[in-house]
């Protein structure tokens, strides 16, 4: 008799958990669009010299995957550039509160920056803007990624100069592997 009560309790618990999972909120269409980045990417580009960093060519490989629950995409990268070997971690998500895409990125550069730019997506163009400290200065930046089909995208990173004009400091092309 005792075993039947335990078995019944386990069955009821399993049914309750299954129903709760069915009713759990699912990612919306904005979040699903982040799926574009899931996969392995080869990136090549050039950074222009600025007072904050040396210029030169760079390459990297990134691996991006859905985080548990499919509400965010996690990207890990390794590469080589003007400041030597690089490693990066990026988290892309969508804030329903802000109605904006968020990107949290960190890397191992001497600048050791970590930012959370907010972005939009329109017609395959992801545009992120940020204001953060770099080299002791407050810098406004814009990062734009333009999808070029399913297998590649181009990107530019610009900073707002003291003259009020955007200055491109990085250009790159990413190709799906």
N, C-alpha and C. Protein backbone atom coordinates (compact mmCIF):
# COMPACT_ATOMS: atom_id res chain seq x y z
N UNK A 1 0.82 -1.19 0.00
CA UNK A 1 0.00 0.00 0.00
C UNK A 1 0.86 1.25 0.00
N UNK A 2 1.92 1.25 0.81
CA UNK A 2 2.80 2.40 0.90
C UNK A 2 3.47 2.68 -0.44
N UNK A 3 3.87 1.61 -1.16
CA UNK A 3 4.51 1.77 -2.46
C UNK A 3 3.56 2.40 -3.46
N UNK A 4 2.29 2.08 -3.43
CA UNK A 4 1.35 2.64 -4.40
C UNK A 4 1.18 4.14 -4.18
N UNK A 5 1.22 4.61 -2.93
CA UNK A 5 1.14 6.05 -2.65
C UNK A 5 2.37 6.78 -3.17
N UNK A 6 3.52 6.17 -3.00
CA UNK A 6 4.77 6.78 -3.49
C UNK A 6 4.75 6.84 -5.02
N UNK A 7 4.33 5.74 -5.64
CA UNK A 7 4.24 5.71 -7.10
C UNK A 7 3.25 6.76 -7.60
N UNK A 8 2.10 6.88 -6.93
CA UNK A 8 1.09 7.85 -7.31
C UNK A 8 1.63 9.28 -7.16
N UNK A 9 2.34 9.55 -6.08
CA UNK A 9 2.92 10.88 -5.85
C UNK A 9 3.95 11.22 -6.93
N UNK A 10 4.75 10.24 -7.31
CA UNK A 10 5.73 10.48 -8.37
C UNK A 10 5.05 10.77 -9.70
N UNK A 11 4.01 10.05 -10.03
CA UNK A 11 3.27 10.27 -11.28
C UNK A 11 2.64 11.67 -11.31
N UNK A 12 2.02 12.06 -10.19
CA UNK A 12 1.39 13.38 -10.11
C UNK A 12 2.45 14.48 -10.25
N UNK A 13 3.59 14.30 -9.57
CA UNK A 13 4.68 15.28 -9.65
C UNK A 13 5.19 15.41 -11.07
N UNK A 14 5.40 14.29 -11.75
CA UNK A 14 5.89 14.31 -13.13
C UNK A 14 4.90 15.00 -14.05
N UNK A 15 3.61 14.75 -13.87
CA UNK A 15 2.59 15.39 -14.70
C UNK A 15 2.57 16.90 -14.46
N UNK A 16 2.72 17.31 -13.19
CA UNK A 16 2.72 18.73 -12.86
C UNK A 16 3.91 19.44 -13.49
N UNK A 17 5.11 18.83 -13.41
CA UNK A 17 6.31 19.42 -14.00
C UNK A 17 6.16 19.50 -15.51
N UNK A 18 5.63 18.48 -16.15
CA UNK A 18 5.44 18.49 -17.60
C UNK A 18 4.51 19.62 -18.01
N UNK A 19 3.39 19.82 -17.27
CA UNK A 19 2.46 20.91 -17.59
C UNK A 19 3.12 22.26 -17.38
N UNK A 20 3.92 22.41 -16.34
CA UNK A 20 4.61 23.68 -16.06
C UNK A 20 5.58 24.02 -17.19
N UNK A 21 6.29 23.00 -17.72
CA UNK A 21 7.21 23.22 -18.83
C UNK A 21 6.45 23.63 -20.08
N UNK A 22 5.28 23.05 -20.32
CA UNK A 22 4.48 23.40 -21.49
C UNK A 22 4.02 24.85 -21.42
N UNK A 23 3.78 25.36 -20.20
CA UNK A 23 3.29 26.72 -20.04
C UNK A 23 4.40 27.74 -19.86
N UNK A 24 5.66 27.29 -19.78
CA UNK A 24 6.78 28.22 -19.63
C UNK A 24 6.84 29.13 -20.85
N UNK A 25 7.16 30.41 -20.66
CA UNK A 25 7.21 31.31 -21.81
C UNK A 25 8.27 30.86 -22.81
N UNK A 26 7.96 31.04 -24.05
CA UNK A 26 8.89 30.68 -25.12
C UNK A 26 9.53 31.97 -25.66
N UNK A 27 10.77 31.85 -26.17
CA UNK A 27 11.41 33.04 -26.74
C UNK A 27 10.55 33.61 -27.87
N UNK A 28 10.49 34.93 -27.93
CA UNK A 28 9.73 35.61 -28.97
C UNK A 28 10.52 35.72 -30.27
N UNK A 29 9.90 36.30 -31.30
CA UNK A 29 10.55 36.39 -32.61
C UNK A 29 11.84 37.22 -32.59
N UNK A 30 11.92 38.22 -31.71
CA UNK A 30 13.14 39.02 -31.63
C UNK A 30 14.31 38.16 -31.16
N UNK A 31 14.06 37.31 -30.18
CA UNK A 31 15.11 36.44 -29.66
C UNK A 31 15.50 35.41 -30.72
N UNK A 32 14.53 34.86 -31.41
CA UNK A 32 14.81 33.85 -32.43
C UNK A 32 15.74 34.38 -33.52
N UNK A 33 15.71 35.69 -33.79
CA UNK A 33 16.57 36.27 -34.82
C UNK A 33 18.04 36.20 -34.45
N UNK A 34 18.33 36.06 -33.16
CA UNK A 34 19.73 35.88 -32.73
C UNK A 34 20.30 34.56 -33.23
N UNK A 35 19.43 33.64 -33.60
CA UNK A 35 19.87 32.34 -34.12
C UNK A 35 20.75 32.47 -35.36
N UNK A 36 20.69 33.61 -36.04
CA UNK A 36 21.55 33.85 -37.21
C UNK A 36 23.02 33.62 -36.84
N UNK A 37 23.41 33.97 -35.63
CA UNK A 37 24.81 33.91 -35.23
C UNK A 37 25.25 32.55 -34.72
N UNK A 38 24.33 31.64 -34.49
CA UNK A 38 24.68 30.32 -33.97
C UNK A 38 25.50 29.57 -35.02
N UNK A 39 26.66 29.08 -34.61
CA UNK A 39 27.55 28.35 -35.51
C UNK A 39 28.99 28.77 -35.31
N UNK A 40 29.83 28.36 -36.25
CA UNK A 40 31.26 28.69 -36.19
C UNK A 40 31.56 29.72 -37.27
N UNK A 41 32.35 30.74 -36.89
CA UNK A 41 32.67 31.85 -37.78
C UNK A 41 34.17 32.08 -37.86
N UNK A 42 34.63 32.45 -39.03
CA UNK A 42 36.01 32.88 -39.24
C UNK A 42 35.92 34.38 -39.55
N UNK A 43 36.67 35.19 -38.79
CA UNK A 43 36.60 36.65 -38.91
C UNK A 43 37.97 37.18 -39.32
N UNK A 44 37.99 38.10 -40.28
CA UNK A 44 39.22 38.76 -40.70
C UNK A 44 38.92 40.24 -40.90
N UNK A 45 39.85 41.07 -40.44
CA UNK A 45 39.62 42.49 -40.60
C UNK A 45 40.84 43.32 -40.29
N UNK A 46 40.59 44.62 -40.15
CA UNK A 46 41.67 45.55 -39.87
C UNK A 46 41.19 46.61 -38.88
N UNK A 47 42.08 46.92 -37.95
CA UNK A 47 41.84 47.98 -36.96
C UNK A 47 42.73 49.15 -37.34
N UNK A 48 42.17 50.35 -37.32
CA UNK A 48 42.96 51.53 -37.60
C UNK A 48 43.60 52.03 -36.29
N UNK A 49 44.79 52.58 -36.40
CA UNK A 49 45.49 53.07 -35.22
C UNK A 49 44.75 54.26 -34.62
N UNK A 50 44.61 54.26 -33.32
CA UNK A 50 44.01 55.38 -32.58
C UNK A 50 44.86 55.60 -31.33
N UNK A 51 44.62 56.69 -30.62
CA UNK A 51 45.35 56.88 -29.36
C UNK A 51 45.08 55.75 -28.35
N UNK A 52 43.99 54.99 -28.56
CA UNK A 52 43.61 53.93 -27.63
C UNK A 52 44.18 52.57 -27.99
N UNK A 53 44.61 52.39 -29.28
CA UNK A 53 45.09 51.07 -29.69
C UNK A 53 45.91 51.16 -30.96
N UNK A 54 46.83 50.20 -31.15
CA UNK A 54 47.60 50.16 -32.40
C UNK A 54 46.74 49.63 -33.54
N UNK A 55 47.16 49.95 -34.75
CA UNK A 55 46.43 49.48 -35.93
C UNK A 55 47.05 48.22 -36.50
N UNK A 56 46.30 47.57 -37.39
CA UNK A 56 46.80 46.39 -38.09
C UNK A 56 45.70 45.39 -38.37
N UNK A 57 46.08 44.33 -39.06
CA UNK A 57 45.14 43.27 -39.43
C UNK A 57 44.92 42.32 -38.25
N UNK A 58 43.75 41.68 -38.24
CA UNK A 58 43.45 40.67 -37.22
C UNK A 58 42.64 39.54 -37.82
N UNK A 59 42.71 38.39 -37.18
CA UNK A 59 41.89 37.23 -37.54
C UNK A 59 41.40 36.59 -36.25
N UNK A 60 40.26 35.94 -36.34
CA UNK A 60 39.77 35.19 -35.18
C UNK A 60 38.80 34.12 -35.65
N UNK A 61 38.54 33.21 -34.76
CA UNK A 61 37.51 32.18 -34.97
C UNK A 61 36.59 32.27 -33.78
N UNK A 62 35.29 32.25 -34.08
CA UNK A 62 34.27 32.31 -33.02
C UNK A 62 33.35 31.12 -33.11
N UNK A 63 32.93 30.66 -31.97
CA UNK A 63 31.95 29.59 -31.88
C UNK A 63 30.78 30.13 -31.06
N UNK A 64 29.59 30.14 -31.65
CA UNK A 64 28.41 30.69 -30.99
C UNK A 64 27.34 29.61 -30.84
N UNK A 65 26.71 29.57 -29.67
CA UNK A 65 25.65 28.58 -29.43
C UNK A 65 24.57 29.17 -28.53
N UNK A 66 23.40 28.56 -28.60
CA UNK A 66 22.30 28.98 -27.73
C UNK A 66 22.65 28.65 -26.29
N UNK A 67 22.35 29.56 -25.39
CA UNK A 67 22.46 29.30 -23.97
C UNK A 67 21.20 28.56 -23.55
N UNK A 68 21.25 27.82 -22.46
CA UNK A 68 20.11 27.05 -21.97
C UNK A 68 18.85 27.90 -21.96
N UNK A 69 17.79 27.39 -22.55
CA UNK A 69 16.51 28.10 -22.61
C UNK A 69 16.30 28.86 -23.90
N UNK A 70 17.37 29.02 -24.69
CA UNK A 70 17.33 29.72 -25.98
C UNK A 70 16.86 31.17 -25.87
N UNK A 71 17.30 31.87 -24.80
CA UNK A 71 17.02 33.30 -24.67
C UNK A 71 18.26 34.14 -24.94
N UNK A 72 19.42 33.50 -25.11
CA UNK A 72 20.66 34.23 -25.35
C UNK A 72 21.60 33.34 -26.17
N UNK A 73 22.50 34.00 -26.90
CA UNK A 73 23.53 33.31 -27.66
C UNK A 73 24.88 33.67 -27.04
N UNK A 74 25.69 32.64 -26.78
CA UNK A 74 27.01 32.81 -26.18
C UNK A 74 28.06 32.55 -27.26
N UNK A 75 29.00 33.50 -27.42
CA UNK A 75 30.07 33.35 -28.41
C UNK A 75 31.42 33.42 -27.72
N UNK A 76 32.28 32.47 -28.06
CA UNK A 76 33.66 32.46 -27.55
C UNK A 76 34.58 32.56 -28.76
N UNK A 77 35.59 33.41 -28.64
CA UNK A 77 36.50 33.61 -29.75
C UNK A 77 37.95 33.60 -29.34
N UNK A 78 38.81 33.23 -30.30
CA UNK A 78 40.26 33.28 -30.13
C UNK A 78 40.84 33.78 -31.43
N UNK A 79 41.87 34.63 -31.32
CA UNK A 79 42.46 35.16 -32.53
C UNK A 79 43.82 35.77 -32.31
N UNK A 80 44.22 36.57 -33.32
CA UNK A 80 45.51 37.22 -33.30
C UNK A 80 45.36 38.57 -33.98
N UNK A 81 45.97 39.60 -33.40
CA UNK A 81 45.87 40.93 -33.97
C UNK A 81 47.02 41.82 -33.56
N UNK A 82 46.87 43.13 -33.76
CA UNK A 82 47.94 44.07 -33.49
C UNK A 82 48.42 44.08 -32.03
N UNK A 83 47.57 43.65 -31.10
CA UNK A 83 47.98 43.62 -29.70
C UNK A 83 48.35 42.21 -29.25
N UNK A 84 48.50 41.28 -30.22
CA UNK A 84 48.90 39.92 -29.89
C UNK A 84 47.71 38.97 -29.88
N UNK A 85 47.87 37.81 -29.18
CA UNK A 85 46.78 36.83 -29.11
C UNK A 85 45.57 37.44 -28.40
N UNK A 86 44.39 37.02 -28.85
CA UNK A 86 43.17 37.55 -28.24
C UNK A 86 42.21 36.42 -27.88
N UNK A 87 41.40 36.69 -26.89
CA UNK A 87 40.32 35.79 -26.48
C UNK A 87 39.14 36.69 -26.13
N UNK A 88 37.94 36.22 -26.47
CA UNK A 88 36.76 37.04 -26.19
C UNK A 88 35.58 36.16 -25.80
N UNK A 89 34.66 36.80 -25.12
CA UNK A 89 33.41 36.16 -24.74
C UNK A 89 32.30 37.18 -24.97
N UNK A 90 31.28 36.79 -25.70
CA UNK A 90 30.16 37.68 -25.97
C UNK A 90 28.84 37.00 -25.66
N UNK A 91 27.91 37.78 -25.13
CA UNK A 91 26.57 37.27 -24.84
C UNK A 91 25.58 38.19 -25.53
N UNK A 92 24.78 37.64 -26.43
CA UNK A 92 23.77 38.41 -27.14
C UNK A 92 22.39 38.00 -26.64
N UNK A 93 21.56 39.00 -26.37
CA UNK A 93 20.21 38.70 -25.90
C UNK A 93 19.27 39.83 -26.35
N UNK A 94 18.01 39.70 -25.97
CA UNK A 94 17.02 40.73 -26.29
C UNK A 94 16.28 41.09 -25.01
N UNK A 95 16.17 42.39 -24.74
CA UNK A 95 15.44 42.87 -23.58
C UNK A 95 14.04 43.28 -24.00
N UNK A 96 13.03 42.53 -23.54
CA UNK A 96 11.65 42.91 -23.86
C UNK A 96 11.28 44.20 -23.12
N UNK A 97 11.91 44.46 -21.98
CA UNK A 97 11.65 45.70 -21.22
C UNK A 97 12.12 46.92 -22.01
N UNK A 98 13.35 46.83 -22.56
CA UNK A 98 13.93 47.97 -23.28
C UNK A 98 13.60 47.95 -24.77
N UNK A 99 13.06 46.82 -25.24
CA UNK A 99 12.83 46.61 -26.67
C UNK A 99 14.12 46.87 -27.46
N UNK A 100 15.19 46.24 -26.97
CA UNK A 100 16.51 46.41 -27.58
C UNK A 100 17.32 45.13 -27.46
N UNK A 101 18.20 44.93 -28.43
CA UNK A 101 19.16 43.84 -28.35
C UNK A 101 20.30 44.29 -27.44
N UNK A 102 20.81 43.38 -26.62
CA UNK A 102 21.91 43.68 -25.71
C UNK A 102 23.09 42.80 -26.07
N UNK A 103 24.27 43.36 -25.93
CA UNK A 103 25.48 42.58 -26.17
C UNK A 103 26.44 42.86 -25.02
N UNK A 104 26.80 41.82 -24.29
CA UNK A 104 27.78 41.96 -23.23
C UNK A 104 29.05 41.30 -23.73
N UNK A 105 30.12 42.07 -23.83
CA UNK A 105 31.35 41.51 -24.34
C UNK A 105 32.54 41.83 -23.47
N UNK A 106 33.43 40.87 -23.33
CA UNK A 106 34.70 41.08 -22.65
C UNK A 106 35.80 40.43 -23.49
N UNK A 107 37.01 40.97 -23.33
CA UNK A 107 38.15 40.35 -24.01
C UNK A 107 39.39 40.48 -23.14
N UNK A 108 40.49 39.95 -23.63
CA UNK A 108 41.72 39.94 -22.83
C UNK A 108 42.70 41.03 -23.24
N UNK A 109 42.22 42.07 -23.91
CA UNK A 109 43.12 43.13 -24.36
C UNK A 109 43.61 43.96 -23.18
N UNK A 110 44.73 44.66 -23.36
CA UNK A 110 45.23 45.52 -22.29
C UNK A 110 44.23 46.61 -21.90
N UNK A 111 43.35 46.97 -22.82
CA UNK A 111 42.32 47.96 -22.52
C UNK A 111 41.33 47.38 -21.52
N UNK A 112 41.19 46.05 -21.54
CA UNK A 112 40.32 45.30 -20.61
C UNK A 112 38.94 45.93 -20.47
N UNK A 113 38.29 46.08 -21.56
CA UNK A 113 36.98 46.71 -21.54
C UNK A 113 35.87 45.70 -21.46
N UNK A 114 34.80 46.11 -20.90
CA UNK A 114 33.58 45.31 -20.83
C UNK A 114 32.43 46.29 -21.02
N UNK A 115 31.58 46.00 -21.98
CA UNK A 115 30.50 46.93 -22.31
C UNK A 115 29.17 46.20 -22.44
N UNK A 116 28.08 46.96 -22.42
CA UNK A 116 26.75 46.41 -22.69
C UNK A 116 26.02 47.37 -23.62
N UNK A 117 26.39 47.36 -24.92
CA UNK A 117 25.70 48.22 -25.86
C UNK A 117 24.27 47.75 -26.12
N UNK A 118 23.42 48.68 -26.48
CA UNK A 118 22.04 48.39 -26.87
C UNK A 118 21.95 48.49 -28.38
N UNK A 119 21.11 47.63 -28.98
CA UNK A 119 21.04 47.62 -30.43
C UNK A 119 19.66 47.40 -31.00
N UNK A 120 19.61 47.58 -32.31
CA UNK A 120 18.38 47.37 -33.07
C UNK A 120 18.71 46.47 -34.27
N UNK A 121 17.67 45.93 -34.87
CA UNK A 121 17.80 45.12 -36.08
C UNK A 121 16.77 45.62 -37.08
N UNK A 122 17.24 45.99 -38.27
CA UNK A 122 16.34 46.42 -39.34
C UNK A 122 16.92 45.97 -40.67
N UNK A 123 16.16 45.19 -41.42
CA UNK A 123 16.56 44.74 -42.75
C UNK A 123 17.94 44.08 -42.78
N UNK A 124 18.22 43.21 -41.80
CA UNK A 124 19.48 42.49 -41.77
C UNK A 124 20.66 43.31 -41.29
N UNK A 125 20.41 44.49 -40.72
CA UNK A 125 21.48 45.34 -40.20
C UNK A 125 21.30 45.48 -38.69
N UNK A 126 22.29 44.99 -37.95
CA UNK A 126 22.31 45.07 -36.49
C UNK A 126 23.13 46.30 -36.13
N UNK A 127 22.57 47.24 -35.40
CA UNK A 127 23.27 48.47 -35.01
C UNK A 127 23.26 48.60 -33.49
N UNK A 128 24.46 48.60 -32.91
CA UNK A 128 24.62 48.72 -31.46
C UNK A 128 25.34 50.03 -31.15
N UNK A 129 24.88 50.74 -30.12
CA UNK A 129 25.56 51.95 -29.68
C UNK A 129 25.89 51.83 -28.20
N UNK A 130 26.99 52.49 -27.82
CA UNK A 130 27.48 52.37 -26.46
C UNK A 130 28.23 53.63 -26.06
N UNK A 131 28.33 53.82 -24.77
CA UNK A 131 29.15 54.87 -24.20
C UNK A 131 29.90 54.24 -23.03
N UNK A 132 31.23 54.20 -23.13
CA UNK A 132 32.02 53.55 -22.08
C UNK A 132 33.38 54.21 -21.96
N UNK A 133 34.07 53.87 -20.91
CA UNK A 133 35.41 54.42 -20.68
C UNK A 133 36.45 53.52 -21.34
N UNK A 134 37.35 54.15 -22.10
CA UNK A 134 38.46 53.46 -22.75
C UNK A 134 39.68 54.34 -22.59
N UNK A 135 40.74 53.82 -22.00
CA UNK A 135 41.95 54.61 -21.81
C UNK A 135 41.70 55.85 -20.98
N UNK A 136 40.76 55.76 -20.04
CA UNK A 136 40.45 56.90 -19.18
C UNK A 136 39.53 57.94 -19.80
N UNK A 137 39.11 57.70 -21.03
CA UNK A 137 38.25 58.65 -21.73
C UNK A 137 36.85 58.07 -21.91
N UNK A 138 35.86 58.95 -21.89
CA UNK A 138 34.49 58.52 -22.20
C UNK A 138 34.36 58.50 -23.72
N UNK A 139 34.02 57.33 -24.26
CA UNK A 139 33.97 57.15 -25.71
C UNK A 139 32.59 56.66 -26.11
N UNK A 140 32.00 57.33 -27.11
CA UNK A 140 30.75 56.86 -27.71
C UNK A 140 31.14 56.03 -28.92
N UNK A 141 30.54 54.85 -29.03
CA UNK A 141 30.88 53.97 -30.14
C UNK A 141 29.63 53.39 -30.79
N UNK A 142 29.81 52.97 -32.02
CA UNK A 142 28.73 52.34 -32.80
C UNK A 142 29.32 51.12 -33.50
N UNK A 143 28.63 49.99 -33.36
CA UNK A 143 29.06 48.75 -34.00
C UNK A 143 27.92 48.30 -34.90
N UNK A 144 28.22 48.12 -36.20
CA UNK A 144 27.19 47.77 -37.18
C UNK A 144 27.59 46.47 -37.88
N UNK A 145 26.65 45.51 -37.89
CA UNK A 145 26.85 44.24 -38.60
C UNK A 145 25.78 44.14 -39.68
N UNK A 146 26.22 43.91 -40.92
CA UNK A 146 25.29 43.78 -42.05
C UNK A 146 25.33 42.35 -42.55
N UNK A 147 24.21 41.67 -42.44
CA UNK A 147 24.11 40.30 -42.92
C UNK A 147 24.26 40.29 -44.43
N UNK A 148 25.08 39.38 -44.93
CA UNK A 148 25.27 39.19 -46.37
C UNK A 148 24.86 37.76 -46.69
N UNK A 149 23.58 37.49 -46.64
CA UNK A 149 23.10 36.13 -46.80
C UNK A 149 23.23 35.36 -45.50
N UNK A 150 23.14 34.03 -45.59
CA UNK A 150 23.17 33.19 -44.38
C UNK A 150 24.59 32.84 -43.95
N UNK A 151 25.57 33.08 -44.83
CA UNK A 151 26.91 32.58 -44.54
C UNK A 151 27.94 33.65 -44.23
N UNK A 152 27.57 34.92 -44.23
CA UNK A 152 28.57 35.92 -43.89
C UNK A 152 27.91 37.24 -43.48
N UNK A 153 28.72 38.07 -42.83
CA UNK A 153 28.31 39.43 -42.51
C UNK A 153 29.55 40.31 -42.45
N UNK A 154 29.34 41.59 -42.69
CA UNK A 154 30.42 42.56 -42.54
C UNK A 154 30.14 43.37 -41.29
N UNK A 155 31.20 43.91 -40.71
CA UNK A 155 31.00 44.74 -39.51
C UNK A 155 31.95 45.93 -39.53
N UNK A 156 31.48 46.99 -38.90
CA UNK A 156 32.31 48.18 -38.71
C UNK A 156 32.13 48.63 -37.27
N UNK A 157 33.19 49.19 -36.73
CA UNK A 157 33.13 49.79 -35.40
C UNK A 157 33.62 51.21 -35.57
N UNK A 158 32.82 52.15 -35.10
CA UNK A 158 33.15 53.57 -35.22
C UNK A 158 33.08 54.22 -33.85
N UNK A 159 33.90 55.27 -33.68
CA UNK A 159 33.84 56.06 -32.46
C UNK A 159 33.53 57.50 -32.84
N UNK A 160 32.86 58.20 -31.94
CA UNK A 160 32.49 59.59 -32.17
C UNK A 160 33.68 60.47 -31.82
N UNK A 161 34.16 61.20 -32.81
CA UNK A 161 35.31 62.07 -32.60
C UNK A 161 34.94 63.36 -31.89
N UNK A 162 35.93 64.10 -31.47
CA UNK A 162 35.69 65.37 -30.80
C UNK A 162 35.04 66.38 -31.73
N UNK A 163 35.18 66.14 -33.05
CA UNK A 163 34.56 67.03 -34.04
C UNK A 163 33.09 66.69 -34.27
N UNK A 164 32.57 65.66 -33.56
CA UNK A 164 31.17 65.27 -33.70
C UNK A 164 30.90 64.35 -34.87
N UNK A 165 31.95 63.87 -35.55
CA UNK A 165 31.80 62.97 -36.70
C UNK A 165 32.22 61.56 -36.30
N UNK A 166 31.51 60.56 -36.87
CA UNK A 166 31.85 59.16 -36.62
C UNK A 166 33.10 58.81 -37.42
N UNK A 167 34.04 58.16 -36.76
CA UNK A 167 35.30 57.75 -37.36
C UNK A 167 35.37 56.22 -37.30
N UNK A 168 35.45 55.56 -38.46
CA UNK A 168 35.56 54.10 -38.51
C UNK A 168 36.93 53.68 -38.03
N UNK A 169 36.97 52.81 -37.02
CA UNK A 169 38.25 52.34 -36.49
C UNK A 169 38.46 50.84 -36.70
N UNK A 170 37.43 50.14 -37.20
CA UNK A 170 37.58 48.71 -37.45
C UNK A 170 36.60 48.29 -38.54
N UNK A 171 37.08 47.45 -39.44
CA UNK A 171 36.23 46.83 -40.46
C UNK A 171 36.58 45.35 -40.51
N UNK A 172 35.56 44.51 -40.68
CA UNK A 172 35.80 43.06 -40.71
C UNK A 172 34.74 42.36 -41.54
N UNK A 173 35.08 41.14 -41.92
CA UNK A 173 34.14 40.24 -42.60
C UNK A 173 34.16 38.92 -41.84
N UNK A 174 32.98 38.41 -41.53
CA UNK A 174 32.84 37.11 -40.87
C UNK A 174 32.22 36.13 -41.85
N UNK A 175 32.77 34.94 -41.91
CA UNK A 175 32.29 33.90 -42.81
C UNK A 175 31.98 32.65 -42.01
N UNK A 176 30.80 32.08 -42.24
CA UNK A 176 30.41 30.86 -41.54
C UNK A 176 31.28 29.70 -42.02
N UNK A 177 31.77 28.91 -41.07
CA UNK A 177 32.61 27.75 -41.40
C UNK A 177 31.76 26.51 -41.55
